[in-house]
Amino acid sequence: MNRLPGEAVEYHTSLVRCTLEAEDARAYWQHRSGDDALPNPQQAYGEYWFGVRSLDRVKVLLSAFRERFDAFPPTLRVLAGWVDMPPQTRRLICHWHVQLADPLYRAFTGEYLVERRAAAREGVTRDLVVRWIEERVPGRWSLPTRLQFARKLLQTAAAAGLLGRQITTRPFLNPTVDDRALAYLLYALRGIHISGSLVDNPYLASVGLQGPQLDRRMTTDAALRFRRQGSLWEFGWQYDSLLDWAAATVWRQSAAEIEGVA
């Protein structure tokens, strides 16, 4: 029996070296299309996958993107062929994949920011994030590392459209999640082992989709069949898989053709 890939659970420092990088991620998707072999850093560097970057930087980007995208097939195949993806959707998809690959970022955006927003706080500061990191992972990192981590967490959340870009207190923003972005997330999570459920998880919570608002979105989305009664909910699917969803809404090819390209 095949085991589902799972969200990362071990804390690491990859985010310190590579934040959201949505445009570089798009280049990665395009170059990884139709190639099952892991990319060679020298090749990516020589072919200017990410523009004029040093070889060391190319190695960092490739390592981060492998963790964020290759670890969760078949998402990479779908993303490679989604040529008309709006910039905001691209940022949100990169945000969700960073959440999948990084448990600290997942907790920061899917729990801490959500709780502060629910408590009507005006935003978040670097000092608050430094304190939160120590509370979340006590004794794990030195103060200089926590300071660096806090900057990168804030920068990544701002790049995703969750926070403003002010230097002091960063206010909360309301990212726009269109129907295809929401469907992509749910069809992708369907094939990934996560700690929450499909209707209660940090991925949806991080973009403000919870409770009645989420119910309304899912009951009007043609790609989903959702019904809730009290504390009970029932999920149905218009398509059998993420690839089938992509075939009908993104690639406009058959799933078999998508499999043939990958």
C-alpha atoms as a PDB file:
ATOM      1  CA  MET A   1       0.000   0.000   0.000  1.00  0.00           C
ATOM      2  CA  ASN A   2       1.413   3.385  -1.001  1.00  0.00           C
ATOM      3  CA  ARG A   3       1.881   5.835   1.843  1.00  0.00           C
ATOM      4  CA  LEU A   4       0.876   9.441   1.355  1.00  0.00           C
ATOM      5  CA  PRO A   5       3.614  12.070   1.526  1.00  0.00           C
ATOM      6  CA  GLY A   6       3.391  14.053   4.719  1.00  0.00           C
ATOM      7  CA  GLU A   7       3.924  17.620   5.838  1.00  0.00           C
ATOM      8  CA  ALA A   8       7.325  18.250   7.440  1.00  0.00           C
ATOM      9  CA  VAL A   9       7.436  17.926  11.217  1.00  0.00           C
ATOM     10  CA  GLU A  10      11.130  18.444  12.032  1.00  0.00           C
ATOM     11  CA  TYR A  11      12.266  22.018  12.675  1.00  0.00           C
ATOM     12  CA  HIS A  12      15.029  23.331  10.404  1.00  0.00           C
ATOM     13  CA  THR A  13      16.551  26.612   9.199  1.00  0.00           C
ATOM     14  CA  SER A  14      15.895  26.431   5.450  1.00  0.00           C
ATOM     15  CA  LEU A  15      13.692  29.530   5.577  1.00  0.00           C
ATOM     16  CA  VAL A  16      16.621  31.612   6.804  1.00  0.00           C
ATOM     17  CA  ARG A  17      18.354  30.908   3.487  1.00  0.00           C
ATOM     18  CA  CYS A  18      15.329  30.956   1.164  1.00  0.00           C
ATOM     19  CA  THR A  19      12.076  32.861   1.743  1.00  0.00           C
ATOM     20  CA  LEU A  20       8.988  32.746  -0.513  1.00  0.00           C
ATOM     21  CA  GLU A  21      10.826  33.384  -3.834  1.00  0.00           C
ATOM     22  CA  ALA A  22       7.650  33.058  -5.913  1.00  0.00           C
ATOM     23  CA  GLU A  23       9.204  34.105  -9.216  1.00  0.00           C
ATOM     24  CA  ASP A  24      12.147  31.761  -8.825  1.00  0.00           C
ATOM     25  CA  ALA A  25       9.674  29.012  -7.911  1.00  0.00           C
ATOM     26  CA  ARG A  26       7.827  29.616 -11.194  1.00  0.00           C
ATOM     27  CA  ALA A  27      11.101  29.222 -13.083  1.00  0.00           C
ATOM     28  CA  TYR A  28      11.738  25.988 -11.197  1.00  0.00           C
ATOM     29  CA  TRP A  29       8.315  24.595 -12.132  1.00  0.00           C
ATOM     30  CA  GLN A  30       8.868  25.398 -15.789  1.00  0.00           C
ATOM     31  CA  HIS A  31      12.303  23.812 -15.959  1.00  0.00           C
ATOM     32  CA  ARG A  32      11.233  20.723 -14.019  1.00  0.00           C
ATOM     33  CA  SER A  33       8.379  19.979 -16.421  1.00  0.00           C
ATOM     34  CA  GLY A  34       8.767  16.554 -17.995  1.00  0.00           C
ATOM     35  CA  ASP A  35      11.958  15.647 -16.114  1.00  0.00           C
ATOM     36  CA  ASP A  36      11.902  13.079 -13.315  1.00  0.00           C
ATOM     37  CA  ALA A  37      15.633  13.436 -12.607  1.00  0.00           C
ATOM     38  CA  LEU A  38      16.688  15.842  -9.875  1.00  0.00           C
ATOM     39  CA  PRO A  39      18.161  18.992 -11.413  1.00  0.00           C
ATOM     40  CA  ASN A  40      21.913  19.416 -11.451  1.00  0.00           C
ATOM     41  CA  PRO A  41      23.027  22.724  -9.834  1.00  0.00           C
ATOM     42  CA  GLN A  42      25.702  23.269 -12.466  1.00  0.00           C
ATOM     43  CA  GLN A  43      23.138  22.818 -15.227  1.00  0.00           C
ATOM     44  CA  ALA A  44      20.638  25.186 -13.586  1.00  0.00           C
ATOM     45  CA  TYR A  45      23.420  27.722 -13.078  1.00  0.00           C
ATOM     46  CA  GLY A  46      24.749  27.425 -16.612  1.00  0.00           C
ATOM     47  CA  GLU A  47      21.273  27.694 -18.152  1.00  0.00           C
ATOM     48  CA  TYR A  48      20.331  30.721 -16.023  1.00  0.00           C
ATOM     49  CA  TRP A  49      17.232  29.091 -14.555  1.00  0.00           C
ATOM     50  CA  PHE A  50      17.061  31.841 -11.949  1.00  0.00           C
ATOM     51  CA  GLY A  51      18.742  34.623 -13.885  1.00  0.00           C
ATOM     52  CA  VAL A  52      22.144  35.919 -12.914  1.00  0.00           C
ATOM     53  CA  ARG A  53      22.688  34.142  -9.586  1.00  0.00           C
ATOM     54  CA  SER A  54      25.801  32.661  -8.068  1.00  0.00           C
ATOM     55  CA  LEU A  55      26.238  28.891  -8.102  1.00  0.00           C
ATOM     56  CA  ASP A  56      25.954  28.852  -4.310  1.00  0.00           C
ATOM     57  CA  ARG A  57      22.615  30.672  -4.498  1.00  0.00           C
ATOM     58  CA  VAL A  58      21.360  28.308  -7.173  1.00  0.00           C
ATOM     59  CA  LYS A  59      22.185  25.371  -4.888  1.00  0.00           C
ATOM     60  CA  VAL A  60      20.169  26.964  -2.061  1.00  0.00           C
ATOM     61  CA  LEU A  61      17.160  27.553  -4.310  1.00  0.00           C
ATOM     62  CA  LEU A  62      17.209  24.034  -5.734  1.00  0.00           C
ATOM     63  CA  SER A  63      17.439  22.500  -2.277  1.00  0.00           C
ATOM     64  CA  ALA A  64      14.526  24.580  -0.959  1.00  0.00           C
ATOM     65  CA  PHE A  65      12.296  23.932  -3.971  1.00  0.00           C
ATOM     66  CA  ARG A  66      12.919  20.182  -3.851  1.00  0.00           C
ATOM     67  CA  GLU A  67      11.655  20.204  -0.265  1.00  0.00           C
ATOM     68  CA  ARG A  68       8.662  22.371  -1.109  1.00  0.00           C
ATOM     69  CA  PHE A  69       7.488  20.899  -4.399  1.00  0.00           C
ATOM     70  CA  ASP A  70       9.177  17.626  -5.411  1.00  0.00           C
ATOM     71  CA  ALA A  71       8.290  16.118  -2.040  1.00  0.00           C
ATOM     72  CA  PHE A  72       4.579  16.383  -2.860  1.00  0.00           C
ATOM     73  CA  PRO A  73       3.826  14.742  -6.207  1.00  0.00           C
ATOM     74  CA  PRO A  74       1.918  15.322  -8.438  1.00  0.00           C
ATOM     75  CA  THR A  75       1.761  19.018  -7.523  1.00  0.00           C
ATOM     76  CA  LEU A  76       4.908  19.836  -9.485  1.00  0.00           C
ATOM     77  CA  ARG A  77       3.374  18.490 -12.705  1.00  0.00           C
ATOM     78  CA  VAL A  78       0.283  20.623 -12.272  1.00  0.00           C
ATOM     79  CA  LEU A  79       2.230  23.773 -11.431  1.00  0.00           C
ATOM     80  CA  ALA A  80       4.544  23.323 -14.416  1.00  0.00           C
ATOM     81  CA  GLY A  81       1.604  23.482 -16.794  1.00  0.00           C
ATOM     82  CA  TRP A  82      -0.429  26.209 -15.095  1.00  0.00           C
ATOM     83  CA  VAL A  83       0.662  28.915 -17.499  1.00  0.00           C
ATOM     84  CA  ASP A  84      -2.113  31.443 -16.795  1.00  0.00           C
ATOM     85  CA  MET A  85      -1.692  31.451 -13.008  1.00  0.00           C
ATOM     86  CA  PRO A  86      -2.294  34.963 -11.572  1.00  0.00           C
ATOM     87  CA  PRO A  87       0.578  36.420  -9.502  1.00  0.00           C
ATOM     88  CA  GLN A  88      -1.478  36.422  -6.283  1.00  0.00           C
ATOM     89  CA  THR A  89      -2.363  32.760  -6.745  1.00  0.00           C
ATOM     90  CA  ARG A  90       1.302  31.961  -7.370  1.00  0.00           C
ATOM     91  CA  ARG A  91       2.268  33.685  -4.112  1.00  0.00           C
ATOM     92  CA  LEU A  92      -0.393  31.788  -2.171  1.00  0.00           C
ATOM     93  CA  ILE A  93       0.595  28.427  -3.644  1.00  0.00           C
ATOM     94  CA  CYS A  94       4.228  29.111  -2.759  1.00  0.00           C
ATOM     95  CA  HIS A  95       3.080  30.095   0.740  1.00  0.00           C
ATOM     96  CA  TRP A  96       1.175  26.834   1.197  1.00  0.00           C
ATOM     97  CA  HIS A  97       4.130  24.810  -0.015  1.00  0.00           C
ATOM     98  CA  VAL A  98       6.451  26.606   2.407  1.00  0.00           C
ATOM     99  CA  GLN A  99       3.953  25.692   5.121  1.00  0.00           C
ATOM    100  CA  LEU A 100       4.079  22.057   4.020  1.00  0.00           C
ATOM    101  CA  ALA A 101       7.872  21.998   4.115  1.00  0.00           C
ATOM    102  CA  ASP A 102       8.478  24.121   7.236  1.00  0.00           C
ATOM    103  CA  PRO A 103       6.669  23.426  10.538  1.00  0.00           C
ATOM    104  CA  LEU A 104       7.786  26.704  12.133  1.00  0.00           C
ATOM    105  CA  TYR A 105       6.413  28.795   9.269  1.00  0.00           C
ATOM    106  CA  ARG A 106       3.254  26.677   9.301  1.00  0.00           C
ATOM    107  CA  ALA A 107       2.719  27.373  13.001  1.00  0.00           C
ATOM    108  CA  PHE A 108       3.592  31.050  12.607  1.00  0.00           C
ATOM    109  CA  THR A 109       1.148  31.737   9.780  1.00  0.00           C
ATOM    110  CA  GLY A 110      -1.493  29.122  10.550  1.00  0.00           C
ATOM    111  CA  GLU A 111      -1.686  29.525  14.333  1.00  0.00           C
ATOM    112  CA  TYR A 112       0.151  32.525  15.797  1.00  0.00           C
ATOM    113  CA  LEU A 113      -0.961  35.145  13.262  1.00  0.00           C
ATOM    114  CA  VAL A 114      -4.480  33.673  13.213  1.00  0.00           C
ATOM    115  CA  GLU A 115      -4.732  33.910  17.011  1.00  0.00           C
ATOM    116  CA  ARG A 116      -3.472  37.504  17.075  1.00  0.00           C
ATOM    117  CA  ARG A 117      -5.906  38.494  14.376  1.00  0.00           C
ATOM    118  CA  ALA A 118      -8.808  36.819  16.182  1.00  0.00           C
ATOM    119  CA  ALA A 119      -7.857  38.764  19.313  1.00  0.00           C
ATOM    120  CA  ALA A 120      -8.135  42.028  17.314  1.00  0.00           C
ATOM    121  CA  ARG A 121      -4.427  42.808  17.576  1.00  0.00           C
ATOM    122  CA  GLU A 122      -3.291  45.481  15.158  1.00  0.00           C
ATOM    123  CA  GLY A 123      -0.443  43.427  13.730  1.00  0.00           C
ATOM    124  CA  VAL A 124       2.872  41.894  14.712  1.00  0.00           C
ATOM    125  CA  THR A 125       6.416  43.125  15.367  1.00  0.00           C
ATOM    126  CA  ARG A 126       9.809  41.477  15.055  1.00  0.00           C
ATOM    127  CA  ASP A 127      10.288  41.464  18.846  1.00  0.00           C
ATOM    128  CA  LEU A 128       6.997  39.638  19.333  1.00  0.00           C
ATOM    129  CA  VAL A 129       8.029  37.029  16.784  1.00  0.00           C
ATOM    130  CA  VAL A 130      11.431  36.545  18.443  1.00  0.00           C
ATOM    131  CA  ARG A 131       9.634  35.890  21.738  1.00  0.00           C
ATOM    132  CA  TRP A 132       7.160  33.533  20.075  1.00  0.00           C
ATOM    133  CA  ILE A 133       9.970  31.476  18.485  1.00  0.00           C
ATOM    134  CA  GLU A 134      11.550  30.879  21.894  1.00  0.00           C
ATOM    135  CA  GLU A 135       8.174  29.875  23.338  1.00  0.00           C
ATOM    136  CA  ARG A 136       7.496  27.549  20.419  1.00  0.00           C
ATOM    137  CA  VAL A 137      10.926  25.908  20.336  1.00  0.00           C
ATOM    138  CA  PRO A 138      12.524  26.697  23.718  1.00  0.00           C
ATOM    139  CA  GLY A 139      16.312  26.606  23.850  1.00  0.00           C
ATOM    140  CA  ARG A 140      16.681  25.515  20.220  1.00  0.00           C
ATOM    141  CA  TRP A 141      18.356  28.615  18.755  1.00  0.00           C
ATOM    142  CA  SER A 142      20.509  31.482  19.994  1.00  0.00           C
ATOM    143  CA  LEU A 143      19.173  35.049  20.074  1.00  0.00           C
ATOM    144  CA  PRO A 144      20.978  36.077  16.831  1.00  0.00           C
ATOM    145  CA  THR A 145      19.435  33.090  15.041  1.00  0.00           C
ATOM    146  CA  ARG A 146      15.988  33.888  16.434  1.00  0.00           C
ATOM    147  CA  LEU A 147      16.342  37.480  15.245  1.00  0.00           C
ATOM    148  CA  GLN A 148      17.246  36.284  11.775  1.00  0.00           C
ATOM    149  CA  PHE A 149      14.421  33.758  11.791  1.00  0.00           C
ATOM    150  CA  ALA A 150      11.920  36.430  12.856  1.00  0.00           C
ATOM    151  CA  ARG A 151      12.927  38.667   9.952  1.00  0.00           C
ATOM    152  CA  LYS A 152      12.556  35.833   7.469  1.00  0.00           C
ATOM    153  CA  LEU A 153       9.190  34.720   8.856  1.00  0.00           C
ATOM    154  CA  LEU A 154       7.865  38.264   8.551  1.00  0.00           C
ATOM    155  CA  GLN A 155       9.352  38.746   5.078  1.00  0.00           C
ATOM    156  CA  THR A 156       7.880  35.483   3.823  1.00  0.00           C
ATOM    157  CA  ALA A 157       4.416  36.178   5.224  1.00  0.00           C
ATOM    158  CA  ALA A 158       4.528  39.691   3.723  1.00  0.00           C
ATOM    159  CA  ALA A 159       5.588  38.347   0.330  1.00  0.00           C
ATOM    160  CA  ALA A 160       2.630  35.929   0.477  1.00  0.00           C
ATOM    161  CA  GLY A 161       0.247  38.841   1.078  1.00  0.00           C
ATOM    162  CA  LEU A 162      -0.607  38.001   4.702  1.00  0.00           C
ATOM    163  CA  LEU A 163       1.138  41.010   6.262  1.00  0.00           C
ATOM    164  CA  GLY A 164       2.012  44.556   5.269  1.00  0.00           C
ATOM    165  CA  ARG A 165       5.593  45.504   4.524  1.00  0.00           C
ATOM    166  CA  GLN A 166       5.993  48.195   7.210  1.00  0.00           C
ATOM    167  CA  ILE A 167       9.269  48.048   9.097  1.00  0.00           C
ATOM    168  CA  THR A 168       7.867  48.307  12.641  1.00  0.00           C
ATOM    169  CA  THR A 169       4.389  46.860  13.227  1.00  0.00           C
ATOM    170  CA  ARG A 170       3.236  44.828  10.233  1.00  0.00           C
ATOM    171  CA  PRO A 171      -0.561  44.994   9.833  1.00  0.00           C
ATOM    172  CA  PHE A 172      -2.688  42.057   8.787  1.00  0.00           C
ATOM    173  CA  LEU A 173      -3.836  41.894   5.170  1.00  0.00           C
ATOM    174  CA  ASN A 174      -6.639  39.963   3.492  1.00  0.00           C
ATOM    175  CA  PRO A 175      -5.219  37.863   0.636  1.00  0.00           C
ATOM    176  CA  THR A 176      -7.555  37.119  -2.241  1.00  0.00           C
ATOM    177  CA  VAL A 177      -8.036  33.373  -2.679  1.00  0.00           C
ATOM    178  CA  ASP A 178      -9.722  32.665  -6.000  1.00  0.00           C
ATOM    179  CA  ASP A 179     -11.637  29.469  -6.718  1.00  0.00           C
ATOM    180  CA  ARG A 180      -8.814  27.720  -8.539  1.00  0.00           C
ATOM    181  CA  ALA A 181      -6.343  28.501  -5.746  1.00  0.00           C
ATOM    182  CA  LEU A 182      -8.744  27.067  -3.156  1.00  0.00           C
ATOM    183  CA  ALA A 183      -9.457  23.984  -5.242  1.00  0.00           C
ATOM    184  CA  TYR A 184      -5.730  23.424  -5.857  1.00  0.00           C
ATOM    185  CA  LEU A 185      -5.039  23.526  -2.124  1.00  0.00           C
ATOM    186  CA  LEU A 186      -7.815  21.101  -1.197  1.00  0.00           C
ATOM    187  CA  TYR A 187      -7.066  18.624  -3.985  1.00  0.00           C
ATOM    188  CA  ALA A 188      -3.371  18.765  -3.068  1.00  0.00           C
ATOM    189  CA  LEU A 189      -4.029  18.277   0.658  1.00  0.00           C
ATOM    190  CA  ARG A 190      -6.282  15.339  -0.187  1.00  0.00           C
ATOM    191  CA  GLY A 191      -3.130  13.459  -1.212  1.00  0.00           C
ATOM    192  CA  ILE A 192      -0.918  14.577   1.687  1.00  0.00           C
ATOM    193  CA  HIS A 193      -0.906  13.459   5.294  1.00  0.00           C
ATOM    194  CA  ILE A 194      -1.556  16.533   7.448  1.00  0.00           C
ATOM    195  CA  SER A 195      -2.143  16.934  11.165  1.00  0.00           C
ATOM    196  CA  GLY A 196      -5.497  18.712  10.794  1.00  0.00           C
ATOM    197  CA  SER A 197      -8.533  17.920   8.660  1.00  0.00           C
ATOM    198  CA  LEU A 198      -9.505  19.164   5.225  1.00  0.00           C
ATOM    199  CA  VAL A 199     -11.801  21.783   6.791  1.00  0.00           C
ATOM    200  CA  ASP A 200      -9.703  22.737   9.819  1.00  0.00           C
ATOM    201  CA  ASN A 201      -6.010  23.184   9.151  1.00  0.00           C
ATOM    202  CA  PRO A 202      -3.315  25.902   9.226  1.00  0.00           C
ATOM    203  CA  TYR A 203      -3.254  26.157   5.431  1.00  0.00           C
ATOM    204  CA  LEU A 204      -6.826  27.430   5.202  1.00  0.00           C
ATOM    205  CA  ALA A 205      -6.645  29.318   8.492  1.00  0.00           C
ATOM    206  CA  SER A 206      -3.591  31.282   7.357  1.00  0.00           C
ATOM    207  CA  VAL A 207      -5.604  32.916   4.547  1.00  0.00           C
ATOM    208  CA  GLY A 208      -8.711  33.560   6.629  1.00  0.00           C
ATOM    209  CA  LEU A 209     -10.811  30.632   5.423  1.00  0.00           C
ATOM    210  CA  GLN A 210     -12.536  29.193   8.481  1.00  0.00           C
ATOM    211  CA  GLY A 211     -16.042  28.472   9.727  1.00  0.00           C
ATOM    212  CA  PRO A 212     -19.056  29.846   7.826  1.00  0.00           C
ATOM    213  CA  GLN A 213     -16.904  31.754   5.323  1.00  0.00           C
ATOM    214  CA  LEU A 214     -15.115  28.552   4.335  1.00  0.00           C
ATOM    215  CA  ASP A 215     -18.426  26.684   4.131  1.00  0.00           C
ATOM    216  CA  ARG A 216     -19.829  29.266   1.731  1.00  0.00           C
ATOM    217  CA  ARG A 217     -16.779  29.092  -0.496  1.00  0.00           C
ATOM    218  CA  MET A 218     -16.764  25.311  -0.646  1.00  0.00           C
ATOM    219  CA  THR A 219     -20.489  24.911  -1.270  1.00  0.00           C
ATOM    220  CA  THR A 220     -20.289  27.252  -4.279  1.00  0.00           C
ATOM    221  CA  ASP A 221     -17.096  25.816  -5.785  1.00  0.00           C
ATOM    222  CA  ALA A 222     -17.960  23.604  -8.747  1.00  0.00           C
ATOM    223  CA  ALA A 223     -14.861  21.449  -8.172  1.00  0.00           C
ATOM    224  CA  LEU A 224     -16.036  20.418  -4.690  1.00  0.00           C
ATOM    225  CA  ARG A 225     -19.060  18.766  -3.150  1.00  0.00           C
ATOM    226  CA  PHE A 226     -19.276  19.879   0.450  1.00  0.00           C
ATOM    227  CA  ARG A 227     -22.014  19.661   3.053  1.00  0.00           C
ATOM    228  CA  ARG A 228     -21.937  20.458   6.772  1.00  0.00           C
ATOM    229  CA  GLN A 229     -24.585  19.815   9.399  1.00  0.00           C
ATOM    230  CA  GLY A 230     -23.642  20.950  12.880  1.00  0.00           C
ATOM    231  CA  SER A 231     -20.259  19.453  13.764  1.00  0.00           C
ATOM    232  CA  LEU A 232     -20.505  16.864  10.988  1.00  0.00           C
ATOM    233  CA  TRP A 233     -19.275  17.482   7.477  1.00  0.00           C
ATOM    234  CA  GLU A 234     -19.149  15.503   4.287  1.00  0.00           C
ATOM    235  CA  PHE A 235     -16.629  16.033   1.513  1.00  0.00           C
ATOM    236  CA  GLY A 236     -17.150  15.029  -2.081  1.00  0.00           C
ATOM    237  CA  TRP A 237     -15.045  15.616  -5.137  1.00  0.00           C
ATOM    238  CA  GLN A 238     -15.968  16.586  -8.679  1.00  0.00           C
ATOM    239  CA  TYR A 239     -12.660  15.087  -9.897  1.00  0.00           C
ATOM    240  CA  ASP A 240     -10.859  11.925  -8.881  1.00  0.00           C
ATOM    241  CA  SER A 241      -7.462  13.515  -8.262  1.00  0.00           C
ATOM    242  CA  LEU A 242      -5.397  16.687  -8.448  1.00  0.00           C
ATOM    243  CA  LEU A 243      -4.314  15.687 -11.947  1.00  0.00           C
ATOM    244  CA  ASP A 244      -7.919  15.214 -13.062  1.00  0.00           C
ATOM    245  CA  TRP A 245      -8.813  18.603 -11.615  1.00  0.00           C
ATOM    246  CA  ALA A 246      -5.889  20.152 -13.481  1.00  0.00           C
ATOM    247  CA  ALA A 247      -6.950  18.430 -16.679  1.00  0.00           C
ATOM    248  CA  ALA A 248     -10.346  20.117 -16.554  1.00  0.00           C
ATOM    249  CA  THR A 249      -9.429  23.538 -15.175  1.00  0.00           C
ATOM    250  CA  VAL A 250      -5.736  24.271 -15.738  1.00  0.00           C
ATOM    251  CA  TRP A 251      -4.141  22.147 -18.449  1.00  0.00           C
ATOM    252  CA  ARG A 252      -7.313  21.494 -20.425  1.00  0.00           C
ATOM    253  CA  GLN A 253      -5.829  18.148 -21.421  1.00  0.00           C
ATOM    254  CA  SER A 254      -6.638  14.646 -20.258  1.00  0.00           C
ATOM    255  CA  ALA A 255      -5.017  13.333 -17.081  1.00  0.00           C
ATOM    256  CA  ALA A 256      -3.381  10.656 -19.234  1.00  0.00           C
ATOM    257  CA  GLU A 257      -1.717  13.367 -21.321  1.00  0.00           C
ATOM    258  CA  ILE A 258      -0.509  15.101 -18.157  1.00  0.00           C
ATOM    259  CA  GLU A 259       0.952  11.815 -16.939  1.00  0.00           C
ATOM    260  CA  GLY A 260       2.650  11.411 -20.285  1.00  0.00           C
ATOM    261  CA  VAL A 261       4.341  14.795 -19.995  1.00  0.00           C
ATOM    262  CA  ALA A 262       5.596  14.146 -16.448  1.00  0.00           C
END
